[in-house]
PDB file of all heavy atoms in Angstrom:
ATOM      1  N   GLY A   1     115.044 147.045 -34.378  1.00  0.00           N
ATOM      2  CA  GLY A   1     114.942 145.592 -34.338  1.00  0.00           C
ATOM      3  C   GLY A   1     115.572 144.862 -35.499  1.00  0.00           C
ATOM      4  O   GLY A   1     115.570 143.628 -35.526  1.00  0.00           O
ATOM      5  N   SER A   2     116.114 145.574 -36.478  1.00  0.00           N
ATOM      6  CA  SER A   2     116.688 144.909 -37.654  1.00  0.00           C
ATOM      7  C   SER A   2     118.191 145.120 -37.771  1.00  0.00           C
ATOM      8  O   SER A   2     118.790 144.751 -38.774  1.00  0.00           O
ATOM      9  CB  SER A   2     115.995 145.410 -38.927  1.00  0.00           C
ATOM     10  OG  SER A   2     116.026 146.821 -39.003  1.00  0.00           O
ATOM     11  N   TYR A   3     118.790 145.712 -36.748  1.00  0.00           N
ATOM     12  CA  TYR A   3     120.222 145.986 -36.788  1.00  0.00           C
ATOM     13  C   TYR A   3     120.931 145.456 -35.543  1.00  0.00           C
ATOM     14  O   TYR A   3     120.373 145.456 -34.446  1.00  0.00           O
ATOM     15  CB  TYR A   3     120.488 147.502 -36.872  1.00  0.00           C
ATOM     16  CG  TYR A   3     119.886 148.175 -38.078  1.00  0.00           C
ATOM     17  CD1 TYR A   3     118.805 149.045 -37.937  1.00  0.00           C
ATOM     18  CD2 TYR A   3     120.391 147.947 -39.356  1.00  0.00           C
ATOM     19  CE1 TYR A   3     118.246 149.673 -39.037  1.00  0.00           C
ATOM     20  CE2 TYR A   3     119.845 148.577 -40.460  1.00  0.00           C
ATOM     21  CZ  TYR A   3     118.771 149.438 -40.300  1.00  0.00           C
ATOM     22  OH  TYR A   3     118.221 150.047 -41.390  1.00  0.00           O
ATOM     23  N   SER A   4     122.159 145.022 -35.747  1.00  0.00           N
ATOM     24  CA  SER A   4     123.047 144.664 -34.643  1.00  0.00           C
ATOM     25  C   SER A   4     124.114 145.752 -34.589  1.00  0.00           C
ATOM     26  O   SER A   4     124.877 145.934 -35.542  1.00  0.00           O
ATOM     27  CB  SER A   4     123.687 143.294 -34.896  1.00  0.00           C
ATOM     28  OG  SER A   4     124.598 142.971 -33.869  1.00  0.00           O
ATOM     29  N   ILE A   5     124.163 146.474 -33.486  1.00  0.00           N
ATOM     30  CA  ILE A   5     124.933 147.714 -33.419  1.00  0.00           C
ATOM     31  C   ILE A   5     126.270 147.546 -32.703  1.00  0.00           C
ATOM     32  O   ILE A   5     126.361 146.911 -31.654  1.00  0.00           O
ATOM     33  CB  ILE A   5     124.127 148.813 -32.678  1.00  0.00           C
ATOM     34  CG1 ILE A   5     122.720 148.925 -33.272  1.00  0.00           C
ATOM     35  CG2 ILE A   5     124.853 150.145 -32.735  1.00  0.00           C
ATOM     36  CD1 ILE A   5     122.672 149.240 -34.735  1.00  0.00           C
ATOM     37  N   THR A   6     127.301 148.157 -33.278  1.00  0.00           N
ATOM     38  CA  THR A   6     128.597 148.280 -32.623  1.00  0.00           C
ATOM     39  C   THR A   6     129.019 149.742 -32.683  1.00  0.00           C
ATOM     40  O   THR A   6     129.004 150.353 -33.751  1.00  0.00           O
ATOM     41  CB  THR A   6     129.676 147.426 -33.321  1.00  0.00           C
ATOM     42  OG1 THR A   6     129.304 146.051 -33.274  1.00  0.00           O
ATOM     43  CG2 THR A   6     131.031 147.596 -32.636  1.00  0.00           C
ATOM     44  N   GLN A   7     129.362 150.319 -31.534  1.00  0.00           N
ATOM     45  CA  GLN A   7     129.855 151.692 -31.513  1.00  0.00           C
ATOM     46  C   GLN A   7     131.343 151.701 -31.840  1.00  0.00           C
ATOM     47  O   GLN A   7     132.128 150.955 -31.252  1.00  0.00           O
ATOM     48  CB  GLN A   7     129.622 152.325 -30.141  1.00  0.00           C
ATOM     49  CG  GLN A   7     128.164 152.689 -29.888  1.00  0.00           C
ATOM     50  CD  GLN A   7     127.994 153.473 -28.598  1.00  0.00           C
ATOM     51  OE1 GLN A   7     127.501 152.955 -27.604  1.00  0.00           O
ATOM     52  NE2 GLN A   7     128.409 154.726 -28.607  1.00  0.00           N
ATOM     53  N   TYR A   8     131.690 152.557 -32.766  1.00  0.00           N
ATOM     54  CA  TYR A   8     133.079 152.620 -33.203  1.00  0.00           C
ATOM     55  C   TYR A   8     133.980 153.232 -32.129  1.00  0.00           C
ATOM     56  O   TYR A   8     133.638 154.204 -31.469  1.00  0.00           O
ATOM     57  CB  TYR A   8     133.218 153.454 -34.481  1.00  0.00           C
ATOM     58  CG  TYR A   8     134.661 153.739 -34.825  1.00  0.00           C
ATOM     59  CD1 TYR A   8     135.419 152.803 -35.517  1.00  0.00           C
ATOM     60  CD2 TYR A   8     135.282 154.910 -34.402  1.00  0.00           C
ATOM     61  CE1 TYR A   8     136.757 153.029 -35.798  1.00  0.00           C
ATOM     62  CE2 TYR A   8     136.616 155.148 -34.686  1.00  0.00           C
ATOM     63  CZ  TYR A   8     137.348 154.203 -35.380  1.00  0.00           C
ATOM     64  OH  TYR A   8     138.673 154.423 -35.648  1.00  0.00           O
ATOM     65  N   HIS A   9     135.144 152.634 -32.005  1.00  0.00           N
ATOM     66  CA  HIS A   9     136.250 153.212 -31.242  1.00  0.00           C
ATOM     67  C   HIS A   9     137.521 152.620 -31.818  1.00  0.00           C
ATOM     68  O   HIS A   9     137.548 151.447 -32.197  1.00  0.00           O
ATOM     69  CB  HIS A   9     136.132 152.903 -29.750  1.00  0.00           C
ATOM     70  CG  HIS A   9     137.072 153.717 -28.911  1.00  0.00           C
ATOM     71  ND1 HIS A   9     138.402 153.372 -28.728  1.00  0.00           N
ATOM     72  CD2 HIS A   9     136.889 154.874 -28.240  1.00  0.00           C
ATOM     73  CE1 HIS A   9     138.990 154.292 -27.971  1.00  0.00           C
ATOM     74  NE2 HIS A   9     138.089 155.211 -27.657  1.00  0.00           N
ATOM     75  N   ARG A  10     138.554 153.402 -31.883  1.00  0.00           N
ATOM     76  CA  ARG A  10     139.782 152.918 -32.513  1.00  0.00           C
ATOM     77  C   ARG A  10     140.401 151.743 -31.765  1.00  0.00           C
ATOM     78  O   ARG A  10     141.245 151.031 -32.302  1.00  0.00           O
ATOM     79  CB  ARG A  10     140.807 154.045 -32.654  1.00  0.00           C
ATOM     80  CG  ARG A  10     141.253 154.674 -31.341  1.00  0.00           C
ATOM     81  CD  ARG A  10     142.212 155.822 -31.587  1.00  0.00           C
ATOM     82  NE  ARG A  10     143.433 155.378 -32.264  1.00  0.00           N
ATOM     83  CZ  ARG A  10     144.356 156.211 -32.732  1.00  0.00           C
ATOM     84  NH1 ARG A  10     144.180 157.527 -32.645  1.00  0.00           N
ATOM     85  NH2 ARG A  10     145.444 155.736 -33.305  1.00  0.00           N
ATOM     86  N   SER A  11     139.955 151.514 -30.506  1.00  0.00           N
ATOM     87  CA  SER A  11     140.484 150.395 -29.734  1.00  0.00           C
ATOM     88  C   SER A  11     139.684 149.103 -29.934  1.00  0.00           C
ATOM     89  O   SER A  11     140.027 148.079 -29.336  1.00  0.00           O
ATOM     90  CB  SER A  11     140.508 150.738 -28.238  1.00  0.00           C
ATOM     91  OG  SER A  11     139.196 150.940 -27.743  1.00  0.00           O
ATOM     92  N   LEU A  12     138.646 149.140 -30.777  1.00  0.00           N
ATOM     93  CA  LEU A  12     137.943 147.894 -31.088  1.00  0.00           C
ATOM     94  C   LEU A  12     138.957 146.883 -31.614  1.00  0.00           C
ATOM     95  O   LEU A  12     139.801 147.233 -32.450  1.00  0.00           O
ATOM     96  CB  LEU A  12     136.872 148.138 -32.161  1.00  0.00           C
ATOM     97  CG  LEU A  12     135.575 148.816 -31.726  1.00  0.00           C
ATOM     98  CD1 LEU A  12     134.726 149.133 -32.956  1.00  0.00           C
ATOM     99  CD2 LEU A  12     134.789 147.935 -30.770  1.00  0.00           C
ATOM    100  N   PRO A  13     138.920 145.631 -31.154  1.00  0.00           N
ATOM    101  CA  PRO A  13     139.941 144.654 -31.542  1.00  0.00           C
ATOM    102  C   PRO A  13     140.187 144.564 -33.043  1.00  0.00           C
ATOM    103  O   PRO A  13     141.333 144.548 -33.493  1.00  0.00           O
ATOM    104  CB  PRO A  13     139.386 143.344 -30.975  1.00  0.00           C
ATOM    105  CG  PRO A  13     138.583 143.762 -29.790  1.00  0.00           C
ATOM    106  CD  PRO A  13     137.953 145.061 -30.182  1.00  0.00           C
ATOM    107  N   THR A  14     139.098 144.509 -33.823  1.00  0.00           N
ATOM    108  CA  THR A  14     139.264 144.394 -35.272  1.00  0.00           C
ATOM    109  C   THR A  14     139.941 145.631 -35.853  1.00  0.00           C
ATOM    110  O   THR A  14     140.846 145.534 -36.683  1.00  0.00           O
ATOM    111  CB  THR A  14     137.899 144.192 -35.959  1.00  0.00           C
ATOM    112  OG1 THR A  14     137.242 143.074 -35.385  1.00  0.00           O
ATOM    113  CG2 THR A  14     138.086 143.950 -37.448  1.00  0.00           C
ATOM    114  N   VAL A  15     139.493 146.799 -35.405  1.00  0.00           N
ATOM    115  CA  VAL A  15     140.068 148.056 -35.900  1.00  0.00           C
ATOM    116  C   VAL A  15     141.521 148.192 -35.465  1.00  0.00           C
ATOM    117  O   VAL A  15     142.392 148.572 -36.262  1.00  0.00           O
ATOM    118  CB  VAL A  15     139.244 149.257 -35.399  1.00  0.00           C
ATOM    119  CG1 VAL A  15     139.909 150.575 -35.810  1.00  0.00           C
ATOM    120  CG2 VAL A  15     137.825 149.186 -35.936  1.00  0.00           C
ATOM    121  N   ALA A  16     141.801 147.849 -34.217  1.00  0.00           N
ATOM    122  CA  ALA A  16     143.177 147.941 -33.713  1.00  0.00           C
ATOM    123  C   ALA A  16     144.105 147.022 -34.490  1.00  0.00           C
ATOM    124  O   ALA A  16     145.255 147.387 -34.796  1.00  0.00           O
ATOM    125  CB  ALA A  16     143.203 147.589 -32.226  1.00  0.00           C
ATOM    126  N   ARG A  17     143.613 145.836 -34.829  1.00  0.00           N
ATOM    127  CA  ARG A  17     144.435 144.899 -35.593  1.00  0.00           C
ATOM    128  C   ARG A  17     144.701 145.421 -37.010  1.00  0.00           C
ATOM    129  O   ARG A  17     145.821 145.328 -37.520  1.00  0.00           O
ATOM    130  CB  ARG A  17     143.756 143.530 -35.653  1.00  0.00           C
ATOM    131  CG  ARG A  17     144.612 142.465 -36.348  1.00  0.00           C
ATOM    132  CD  ARG A  17     144.029 141.067 -36.191  1.00  0.00           C
ATOM    133  NE  ARG A  17     142.715 140.939 -36.788  1.00  0.00           N
ATOM    134  CZ  ARG A  17     141.583 140.859 -36.109  1.00  0.00           C
ATOM    135  NH1 ARG A  17     141.588 140.892 -34.780  1.00  0.00           N
ATOM    136  NH2 ARG A  17     140.415 140.732 -36.729  1.00  0.00           N
ATOM    137  N   LEU A  18     143.679 145.970 -37.633  1.00  0.00           N
ATOM    138  CA  LEU A  18     143.838 146.530 -38.974  1.00  0.00           C
ATOM    139  C   LEU A  18     144.811 147.714 -38.958  1.00  0.00           C
ATOM    140  O   LEU A  18     145.601 147.898 -39.889  1.00  0.00           O
ATOM    141  CB  LEU A  18     142.482 146.980 -39.520  1.00  0.00           C
ATOM    142  CG  LEU A  18     141.498 145.865 -39.887  1.00  0.00           C
ATOM    143  CD1 LEU A  18     140.092 146.428 -40.093  1.00  0.00           C
ATOM    144  CD2 LEU A  18     141.961 145.129 -41.145  1.00  0.00           C
ATOM    145  N   HIS A  19     144.747 148.490 -37.886  1.00  0.00           N
ATOM    146  CA  HIS A  19     145.660 149.620 -37.740  1.00  0.00           C
ATOM    147  C   HIS A  19     147.094 149.131 -37.539  1.00  0.00           C
ATOM    148  O   HIS A  19     148.043 149.657 -38.137  1.00  0.00           O
ATOM    149  CB  HIS A  19     145.215 150.477 -36.550  1.00  0.00           C
ATOM    150  CG  HIS A  19     145.970 151.752 -36.403  1.00  0.00           C
ATOM    151  ND1 HIS A  19     146.149 152.372 -35.179  1.00  0.00           N
ATOM    152  CD2 HIS A  19     146.619 152.535 -37.315  1.00  0.00           C
ATOM    153  CE1 HIS A  19     146.851 153.467 -35.347  1.00  0.00           C
ATOM    154  NE2 HIS A  19     147.144 153.596 -36.628  1.00  0.00           N
ATOM    155  N   LEU A  20     147.235 148.111 -36.718  1.00  0.00           N
ATOM    156  CA  LEU A  20     148.558 147.539 -36.459  1.00  0.00           C
ATOM    157  C   LEU A  20     149.148 146.938 -37.730  1.00  0.00           C
ATOM    158  O   LEU A  20     150.354 147.047 -37.974  1.00  0.00           O
ATOM    159  CB  LEU A  20     148.461 146.468 -35.365  1.00  0.00           C
ATOM    160  CG  LEU A  20     149.775 145.826 -34.905  1.00  0.00           C
ATOM    161  CD1 LEU A  20     150.682 146.872 -34.259  1.00  0.00           C
ATOM    162  CD2 LEU A  20     149.500 144.704 -33.925  1.00  0.00           C
ATOM    163  N   ASP A  21     148.288 146.341 -38.549  1.00  0.00           N
ATOM    164  CA  ASP A  21     148.738 145.741 -39.808  1.00  0.00           C
ATOM    165  C   ASP A  21     148.914 146.774 -40.911  1.00  0.00           C
ATOM    166  O   ASP A  21     149.200 146.418 -42.064  1.00  0.00           O
ATOM    167  CB  ASP A  21     147.730 144.681 -40.272  1.00  0.00           C
ATOM    168  CG  ASP A  21     147.707 143.469 -39.356  1.00  0.00           C
ATOM    169  OD1 ASP A  21     148.677 143.286 -38.592  1.00  0.00           O
ATOM    170  OD2 ASP A  21     146.726 142.703 -39.403  1.00  0.00           O
ATOM    171  N   GLN A  22     148.684 148.040 -40.575  1.00  0.00           N
ATOM    172  CA  GLN A  22     148.844 149.167 -41.498  1.00  0.00           C
ATOM    173  C   GLN A  22     147.857 149.132 -42.665  1.00  0.00           C
ATOM    174  O   GLN A  22     148.097 149.732 -43.711  1.00  0.00           O
ATOM    175  CB  GLN A  22     150.291 149.231 -42.030  1.00  0.00           C
ATOM    176  CG  GLN A  22     151.311 149.449 -40.936  1.00  0.00           C
ATOM    177  CD  GLN A  22     152.726 149.610 -41.466  1.00  0.00           C
ATOM    178  OE1 GLN A  22     153.022 149.267 -42.603  1.00  0.00           O
ATOM    179  NE2 GLN A  22     153.607 150.160 -40.639  1.00  0.00           N
ATOM    180  N   GLN A  23     146.741 148.425 -42.462  1.00  0.00           N
ATOM    181  CA  GLN A  23     145.670 148.496 -43.448  1.00  0.00           C
ATOM    182  C   GLN A  23     144.826 149.750 -43.227  1.00  0.00           C
ATOM    183  O   GLN A  23     144.108 150.202 -44.120  1.00  0.00           O
ATOM    184  CB  GLN A  23     144.790 147.249 -43.360  1.00  0.00           C
ATOM    185  CG  GLN A  23     145.509 145.963 -43.738  1.00  0.00           C
ATOM    186  CD  GLN A  23     144.570 144.776 -43.771  1.00  0.00           C
ATOM    187  OE1 GLN A  23     143.608 144.740 -44.552  1.00  0.00           O
ATOM    188  NE2 GLN A  23     144.817 143.789 -42.922  1.00  0.00           N
ATOM    189  N   LEU A  24     144.913 150.289 -42.001  1.00  0.00           N
ATOM    190  CA  LEU A  24     144.292 151.560 -41.663  1.00  0.00           C
ATOM    191  C   LEU A  24     145.369 152.511 -41.170  1.00  0.00           C
ATOM    192  O   LEU A  24     146.229 152.118 -40.378  1.00  0.00           O
ATOM    193  CB  LEU A  24     143.227 151.378 -40.579  1.00  0.00           C
ATOM    194  CG  LEU A  24     141.975 150.572 -40.950  1.00  0.00           C
ATOM    195  CD1 LEU A  24     141.108 150.346 -39.708  1.00  0.00           C
ATOM    196  CD2 LEU A  24     141.176 151.280 -42.036  1.00  0.00           C
ATOM    197  N   THR A  25     145.326 153.753 -41.620  1.00  0.00           N
ATOM    198  CA  THR A  25     146.305 154.753 -41.203  1.00  0.00           C
ATOM    199  C   THR A  25     145.836 155.474 -39.943  1.00  0.00           C
ATOM    200  O   THR A  25     144.682 155.320 -39.515  1.00  0.00           O
ATOM    201  CB  THR A  25     146.517 155.784 -42.316  1.00  0.00           C
ATOM    202  OG1 THR A  25     145.295 156.543 -42.480  1.00  0.00           O
ATOM    203  CG2 THR A  25     146.882 155.106 -43.634  1.00  0.00           C
ATOM    204  N   ASP A  26     146.712 156.279 -39.364  1.00  0.00           N
ATOM    205  CA  ASP A  26     146.340 157.089 -38.203  1.00  0.00           C
ATOM    206  C   ASP A  26     145.175 158.007 -38.557  1.00  0.00           C
ATOM    207  O   ASP A  26     144.259 158.211 -37.749  1.00  0.00           O
ATOM    208  CB  ASP A  26     147.535 157.926 -37.730  1.00  0.00           C
ATOM    209  CG  ASP A  26     148.615 157.077 -37.076  1.00  0.00           C
ATOM    210  OD1 ASP A  26     148.333 155.926 -36.698  1.00  0.00           O
ATOM    211  OD2 ASP A  26     149.760 157.566 -36.947  1.00  0.00           O
ATOM    212  N   ALA A  27     145.218 158.565 -39.749  1.00  0.00           N
ATOM    213  CA  ALA A  27     144.149 159.466 -40.181  1.00  0.00           C
ATOM    214  C   ALA A  27     142.826 158.725 -40.327  1.00  0.00           C
ATOM    215  O   ALA A  27     141.754 159.280 -40.042  1.00  0.00           O
ATOM    216  CB  ALA A  27     144.526 160.128 -41.498  1.00  0.00           C
ATOM    217  N   ASP A  28     142.882 157.480 -40.758  1.00  0.00           N
ATOM    218  CA  ASP A  28     141.659 156.683 -40.935  1.00  0.00           C
ATOM    219  C   ASP A  28     140.911 156.486 -39.631  1.00  0.00           C
ATOM    220  O   ASP A  28     139.667 156.511 -39.603  1.00  0.00           O
ATOM    221  CB  ASP A  28     141.997 155.304 -41.518  1.00  0.00           C
ATOM    222  CG  ASP A  28     142.389 155.350 -42.983  1.00  0.00           C
ATOM    223  OD1 ASP A  28     141.960 156.274 -43.689  1.00  0.00           O
ATOM    224  OD2 ASP A  28     143.141 154.450 -43.410  1.00  0.00           O
ATOM    225  N   VAL A  29     141.648 156.250 -38.553  1.00  0.00           N
ATOM    226  CA  VAL A  29     141.007 155.831 -37.297  1.00  0.00           C
ATOM    227  C   VAL A  29     140.690 156.992 -36.359  1.00  0.00           C
ATOM    228  O   VAL A  29     140.203 156.768 -35.254  1.00  0.00           O
ATOM    229  CB  VAL A  29     141.884 154.788 -36.558  1.00  0.00           C
ATOM    230  CG1 VAL A  29     142.068 153.544 -37.412  1.00  0.00           C
ATOM    231  CG2 VAL A  29     143.242 155.371 -36.165  1.00  0.00           C
ATOM    232  N   THR A  30     140.970 158.222 -36.772  1.00  0.00           N
ATOM    233  CA  THR A  30     140.690 159.378 -35.920  1.00  0.00           C
ATOM    234  C   THR A  30     139.687 160.312 -36.585  1.00  0.00           C
ATOM    235  O   THR A  30     139.536 160.326 -37.806  1.00  0.00           O
ATOM    236  CB  THR A  30     141.983 160.161 -35.607  1.00  0.00           C
ATOM    237  OG1 THR A  30     142.641 160.510 -36.838  1.00  0.00           O
ATOM    238  CG2 THR A  30     142.932 159.332 -34.766  1.00  0.00           C
ATOM    239  N   GLU A  31     138.982 161.101 -35.755  1.00  0.00           N
ATOM    240  CA  GLU A  31     137.984 162.030 -36.281  1.00  0.00           C
ATOM    241  C   GLU A  31     138.653 163.129 -37.117  1.00  0.00           C
ATOM    242  O   GLU A  31     139.857 163.350 -36.974  1.00  0.00           O
ATOM    243  CB  GLU A  31     137.189 162.633 -35.119  1.00  0.00           C
ATOM    244  CG  GLU A  31     138.032 163.436 -34.129  1.00  0.00           C
ATOM    245  CD  GLU A  31     137.175 164.058 -33.046  1.00  0.00           C
ATOM    246  OE1 GLU A  31     136.146 164.695 -33.378  1.00  0.00           O
ATOM    247  OE2 GLU A  31     137.533 163.904 -31.878  1.00  0.00           O
ATOM    248  N   PRO A  32     137.873 163.813 -37.935  1.00  0.00           N
ATOM    249  CA  PRO A  32     136.441 163.664 -38.186  1.00  0.00           C
ATOM    250  C   PRO A  32     136.140 162.453 -39.068  1.00  0.00           C
ATOM    251  O   PRO A  32     136.974 162.030 -39.858  1.00  0.00           O
ATOM    252  CB  PRO A  32     136.089 164.969 -38.905  1.00  0.00           C
ATOM    253  CG  PRO A  32     137.336 165.338 -39.636  1.00  0.00           C
ATOM    254  CD  PRO A  32     138.456 164.926 -38.727  1.00  0.00           C
ATOM    255  N   TYR A  33     134.925 161.934 -38.917  1.00  0.00           N
ATOM    256  CA  TYR A  33     134.521 160.743 -39.650  1.00  0.00           C
ATOM    257  C   TYR A  33     133.477 161.030 -40.738  1.00  0.00           C
ATOM    258  O   TYR A  33     133.359 160.271 -41.694  1.00  0.00           O
ATOM    259  CB  TYR A  33     133.947 159.695 -38.686  1.00  0.00           C
ATOM    260  CG  TYR A  33     134.892 159.320 -37.581  1.00  0.00           C
ATOM    261  CD1 TYR A  33     134.660 159.704 -36.267  1.00  0.00           C
ATOM    262  CD2 TYR A  33     136.053 158.592 -37.858  1.00  0.00           C
ATOM    263  CE1 TYR A  33     135.544 159.353 -35.253  1.00  0.00           C
ATOM    264  CE2 TYR A  33     136.940 158.248 -36.843  1.00  0.00           C
ATOM    265  CZ  TYR A  33     136.679 158.640 -35.544  1.00  0.00           C
ATOM    266  OH  TYR A  33     137.551 158.307 -34.532  1.00  0.00           O
ATOM    267  N   ALA A  34     132.718 162.097 -40.563  1.00  0.00           N
ATOM    268  CA  ALA A  34     131.564 162.319 -41.436  1.00  0.00           C
ATOM    269  C   ALA A  34     131.782 163.383 -42.506  1.00  0.00           C
ATOM    270  O   ALA A  34     130.819 163.802 -43.157  1.00  0.00           O
ATOM    271  CB  ALA A  34     130.346 162.678 -40.585  1.00  0.00           C
ATOM    272  N   GLU A  35     133.006 163.845 -42.697  1.00  0.00           N
ATOM    273  CA  GLU A  35     133.247 164.839 -43.746  1.00  0.00           C
ATOM    274  C   GLU A  35     132.848 164.290 -45.108  1.00  0.00           C
ATOM    275  O   GLU A  35     132.328 164.996 -45.957  1.00  0.00           O
ATOM    276  CB  GLU A  35     134.713 165.259 -43.755  1.00  0.00           C
ATOM    277  CG  GLU A  35     135.086 166.177 -42.611  1.00  0.00           C
ATOM    278  CD  GLU A  35     136.511 166.691 -42.721  1.00  0.00           C
ATOM    279  OE1 GLU A  35     137.335 166.050 -43.400  1.00  0.00           O
ATOM    280  OE2 GLU A  35     136.786 167.753 -42.123  1.00  0.00           O
ATOM    281  N   ASP A  36     133.156 163.024 -45.343  1.00  0.00           N
ATOM    282  CA  ASP A  36     132.655 162.313 -46.516  1.00  0.00           C
ATOM    283  C   ASP A  36     132.466 160.856 -46.100  1.00  0.00           C
ATOM    284  O   ASP A  36     132.611 160.518 -44.928  1.00  0.00           O
ATOM    285  CB  ASP A  36     133.612 162.441 -47.714  1.00  0.00           C
ATOM    286  CG  ASP A  36     135.020 161.952 -47.412  1.00  0.00           C
ATOM    287  OD1 ASP A  36     135.158 160.923 -46.692  1.00  0.00           O
ATOM    288  OD2 ASP A  36     135.989 162.572 -47.872  1.00  0.00           O
ATOM    289  N   ASN A  37     132.141 160.015 -47.050  1.00  0.00           N
ATOM    290  CA  ASN A  37     131.854 158.621 -46.713  1.00  0.00           C
ATOM    291  C   ASN A  37     133.089 157.723 -46.734  1.00  0.00           C
ATOM    292  O   ASN A  37     133.028 156.576 -46.283  1.00  0.00           O
ATOM    293  CB  ASN A  37     130.821 158.053 -47.691  1.00  0.00           C
ATOM    294  CG  ASN A  37     129.520 158.824 -47.664  1.00  0.00           C
ATOM    295  OD1 ASN A  37     129.179 159.441 -46.662  1.00  0.00           O
ATOM    296  ND2 ASN A  37     128.798 158.810 -48.767  1.00  0.00           N
ATOM    297  N   THR A  38     134.192 158.234 -47.255  1.00  0.00           N
ATOM    298  CA  THR A  38     135.359 157.395 -47.536  1.00  0.00           C
ATOM    299  C   THR A  38     135.916 156.701 -46.300  1.00  0.00           C
ATOM    300  O   THR A  38     136.127 155.483 -46.289  1.00  0.00           O
ATOM    301  CB  THR A  38     136.476 158.236 -48.194  1.00  0.00           C
ATOM    302  OG1 THR A  38     135.942 158.887 -49.351  1.00  0.00           O
ATOM    303  CG2 THR A  38     137.642 157.353 -48.585  1.00  0.00           C
ATOM    304  N   LYS A  39     136.157 157.465 -45.258  1.00  0.00           N
ATOM    305  CA  LYS A  39     136.793 156.913 -44.065  1.00  0.00           C
ATOM    306  C   LYS A  39     135.919 155.859 -43.378  1.00  0.00           C
ATOM    307  O   LYS A  39     136.373 154.753 -43.074  1.00  0.00           O
ATOM    308  CB  LYS A  39     137.124 158.038 -43.084  1.00  0.00           C
ATOM    309  CG  LYS A  39     137.944 157.603 -41.895  1.00  0.00           C
ATOM    310  CD  LYS A  39     138.201 158.786 -40.950  1.00  0.00           C
ATOM    311  CE  LYS A  39     139.067 159.843 -41.583  1.00  0.00           C
ATOM    312  NZ  LYS A  39     139.440 160.912 -40.625  1.00  0.00           N
TER     313      LYS A  39
END
């Protein structure tokens, strides 16, 4: 009840735009995600 949830997918509009603008790399937007916290 205290969170507003969004499930990640590389096609999310915000993520896709950041990827297109090269603020996110191909490696950033693809798994694995939990190896560390950085990505």
